Amino acid sequence: MYVKDINDVKAQLNNLQSQGTISAWALPYENLLTRLSAAIFFISVDEPVDESLEAVRAVLGSFPHYGVRPNAEKRLSDLPFRITFNEEELIKIMAPATEATS
């Protein structure tokens, strides 16, 4: 299925991979997705990790509700980081940082 925003993110991930910022990426169940907010991308970044994740954020951060976190669940992919564009997921990601500063 053609979803412009998903294809735009895929193109950016391909560019980041060709530049060597990320070493791999995956988008499970791509054919079932109808909107970017339902997509879960997984990536593996090159060293140094913090700089690579910052480079990914610089490219993908303009998409609404961008969020990245470690892929602790490992249910859909073995790649170490998960990227979403979902407001509810972003709130979960930001909650630990907010609690730490309270």
C-alpha atoms as a PDB file:
ATOM      1  CA  MET A   1       0.000   0.000   0.000  1.00  0.00           C
ATOM      2  CA  TYR A   2       1.258   3.452  -0.840  1.00  0.00           C
ATOM      3  CA  VAL A   3       1.407   5.823   2.140  1.00  0.00           C
ATOM      4  CA  LYS A   4       3.361   8.975   1.325  1.00  0.00           C
ATOM      5  CA  ASP A   5       4.638   9.719   4.850  1.00  0.00           C
ATOM      6  CA  ILE A   6       5.794   6.136   5.354  1.00  0.00           C
ATOM      7  CA  ASN A   7       7.570   6.206   2.009  1.00  0.00           C
ATOM      8  CA  ASP A   8       9.191   9.522   2.943  1.00  0.00           C
ATOM      9  CA  VAL A   9      10.548   8.028   6.183  1.00  0.00           C
ATOM     10  CA  LYS A  10      11.776   4.937   4.319  1.00  0.00           C
ATOM     11  CA  ALA A  11      13.610   7.155   1.825  1.00  0.00           C
ATOM     12  CA  GLN A  12      15.261   9.074   4.685  1.00  0.00           C
ATOM     13  CA  LEU A  13      16.283   5.817   6.386  1.00  0.00           C
ATOM     14  CA  ASN A  14      17.770   4.587   3.107  1.00  0.00           C
ATOM     15  CA  ASN A  15      19.755   7.846   2.880  1.00  0.00           C
ATOM     16  CA  LEU A  16      20.967   7.488   6.479  1.00  0.00           C
ATOM     17  CA  GLN A  17      22.010   3.918   5.757  1.00  0.00           C
ATOM     18  CA  SER A  18      23.898   4.882   2.610  1.00  0.00           C
ATOM     19  CA  GLN A  19      25.688   7.617   4.612  1.00  0.00           C
ATOM     20  CA  GLY A  20      26.672   5.066   7.264  1.00  0.00           C
ATOM     21  CA  THR A  21      24.671   6.679  10.087  1.00  0.00           C
ATOM     22  CA  ILE A  22      22.537   3.581  10.529  1.00  0.00           C
ATOM     23  CA  SER A  23      23.577   0.060   9.668  1.00  0.00           C
ATOM     24  CA  ALA A  24      20.113  -1.492   9.236  1.00  0.00           C
ATOM     25  CA  TRP A  25      16.430  -0.684   9.452  1.00  0.00           C
ATOM     26  CA  ALA A  26      13.168  -2.616   9.290  1.00  0.00           C
ATOM     27  CA  LEU A  27       9.453  -1.914   9.043  1.00  0.00           C
ATOM     28  CA  PRO A  28       7.450  -5.024  10.007  1.00  0.00           C
ATOM     29  CA  TYR A  29       3.951  -5.461   8.573  1.00  0.00           C
ATOM     30  CA  GLU A  30       4.517  -2.663   6.079  1.00  0.00           C
ATOM     31  CA  ASN A  31       1.779  -3.905   3.753  1.00  0.00           C
ATOM     32  CA  LEU A  32      -0.837  -3.514   6.497  1.00  0.00           C
ATOM     33  CA  LEU A  33      -0.024   0.093   7.376  1.00  0.00           C
ATOM     34  CA  THR A  34      -2.329   2.904   6.326  1.00  0.00           C
ATOM     35  CA  ARG A  35      -0.809   5.798   8.287  1.00  0.00           C
ATOM     36  CA  LEU A  36       2.551   6.823   9.690  1.00  0.00           C
ATOM     37  CA  SER A  37       1.274   6.963  13.281  1.00  0.00           C
ATOM     38  CA  ALA A  38       0.723   3.178  13.170  1.00  0.00           C
ATOM     39  CA  ALA A  39       4.196   2.383  11.850  1.00  0.00           C
ATOM     40  CA  ILE A  40       7.007   1.102  14.049  1.00  0.00           C
ATOM     41  CA  PHE A  41      10.433   1.353  12.456  1.00  0.00           C
ATOM     42  CA  PHE A  42      13.447  -0.413  13.919  1.00  0.00           C
ATOM     43  CA  ILE A  43      17.044   0.673  13.416  1.00  0.00           C
ATOM     44  CA  SER A  44      20.570  -0.252  14.284  1.00  0.00           C
ATOM     45  CA  VAL A  45      22.979   2.669  14.517  1.00  0.00           C
ATOM     46  CA  ASP A  46      26.713   2.858  14.151  1.00  0.00           C
ATOM     47  CA  GLU A  47      29.110   4.066  16.833  1.00  0.00           C
ATOM     48  CA  PRO A  48      29.059   6.503  18.492  1.00  0.00           C
ATOM     49  CA  VAL A  49      25.432   5.703  19.294  1.00  0.00           C
ATOM     50  CA  ASP A  50      24.468   9.107  20.733  1.00  0.00           C
ATOM     51  CA  GLU A  51      25.790  10.965  17.696  1.00  0.00           C
ATOM     52  CA  SER A  52      24.084   8.560  15.298  1.00  0.00           C
ATOM     53  CA  LEU A  53      20.750   8.858  17.108  1.00  0.00           C
ATOM     54  CA  GLU A  54      21.098  12.650  17.035  1.00  0.00           C
ATOM     55  CA  ALA A  55      21.711  12.491  13.270  1.00  0.00           C
ATOM     56  CA  VAL A  56      18.586  10.344  12.878  1.00  0.00           C
ATOM     57  CA  ARG A  57      16.597  12.851  14.956  1.00  0.00           C
ATOM     58  CA  ALA A  58      17.897  15.714  12.824  1.00  0.00           C
ATOM     59  CA  VAL A  59      16.505  14.013   9.730  1.00  0.00           C
ATOM     60  CA  LEU A  60      13.278  12.474  11.070  1.00  0.00           C
ATOM     61  CA  GLY A  61      12.462  14.925  13.871  1.00  0.00           C
ATOM     62  CA  SER A  62      10.410  17.106  11.548  1.00  0.00           C
ATOM     63  CA  PHE A  63       7.775  14.373  11.227  1.00  0.00           C
ATOM     64  CA  PRO A  64       4.963  14.777  13.777  1.00  0.00           C
ATOM     65  CA  HIS A  65       5.347  12.934  17.096  1.00  0.00           C
ATOM     66  CA  TYR A  66       8.790  11.502  16.292  1.00  0.00           C
ATOM     67  CA  GLY A  67      10.157   9.381  19.103  1.00  0.00           C
ATOM     68  CA  VAL A  68      12.986   6.894  19.508  1.00  0.00           C
ATOM     69  CA  ARG A  69      13.698   4.490  22.337  1.00  0.00           C
ATOM     70  CA  PRO A  70      15.521   1.225  22.962  1.00  0.00           C
ATOM     71  CA  ASN A  71      13.708  -1.808  21.591  1.00  0.00           C
ATOM     72  CA  ALA A  72      13.485  -3.676  24.884  1.00  0.00           C
ATOM     73  CA  GLU A  73      10.583  -5.876  23.802  1.00  0.00           C
ATOM     74  CA  LYS A  74      12.311  -7.484  20.779  1.00  0.00           C
ATOM     75  CA  ARG A  75       8.934  -8.833  19.614  1.00  0.00           C
ATOM     76  CA  LEU A  76       8.771  -7.399  16.114  1.00  0.00           C
ATOM     77  CA  SER A  77      12.501  -6.971  15.457  1.00  0.00           C
ATOM     78  CA  ASP A  78      15.873  -7.731  16.989  1.00  0.00           C
ATOM     79  CA  LEU A  79      17.231  -4.312  15.985  1.00  0.00           C
ATOM     80  CA  PRO A  80      18.142  -2.284  19.093  1.00  0.00           C
ATOM     81  CA  PHE A  81      16.100   0.930  18.597  1.00  0.00           C
ATOM     82  CA  ARG A  82      12.486   1.602  17.720  1.00  0.00           C
ATOM     83  CA  ILE A  83      11.154   4.738  16.048  1.00  0.00           C
ATOM     84  CA  THR A  84       7.519   5.758  16.142  1.00  0.00           C
ATOM     85  CA  PHE A  85       5.455   8.728  15.043  1.00  0.00           C
ATOM     86  CA  ASN A  86       2.633   8.242  17.496  1.00  0.00           C
ATOM     87  CA  GLU A  87       1.553  10.784  20.111  1.00  0.00           C
ATOM     88  CA  GLU A  88       0.717   8.145  22.758  1.00  0.00           C
ATOM     89  CA  GLU A  89       4.091   6.439  22.299  1.00  0.00           C
ATOM     90  CA  LEU A  90       5.855   9.806  22.500  1.00  0.00           C
ATOM     91  CA  ILE A  91       4.170  10.501  25.847  1.00  0.00           C
ATOM     92  CA  LYS A  92       5.449   7.129  27.144  1.00  0.00           C
ATOM     93  CA  ILE A  93       8.961   7.953  25.958  1.00  0.00           C
ATOM     94  CA  MET A  94       8.909  11.398  27.556  1.00  0.00           C
ATOM     95  CA  ALA A  95       7.346  10.272  30.876  1.00  0.00           C
ATOM     96  CA  PRO A  96      10.565   8.924  32.469  1.00  0.00           C
ATOM     97  CA  ALA A  97      12.401  12.164  31.666  1.00  0.00           C
ATOM     98  CA  THR A  98       9.547  14.223  33.112  1.00  0.00           C
ATOM     99  CA  GLU A  99       9.392  12.095  36.288  1.00  0.00           C
ATOM    100  CA  ALA A 100      13.160  12.431  36.785  1.00  0.00           C
ATOM    101  CA  THR A 101      12.951  16.234  36.762  1.00  0.00           C
ATOM    102  CA  SER A 102       9.889  16.468  39.053  1.00  0.00           C
END
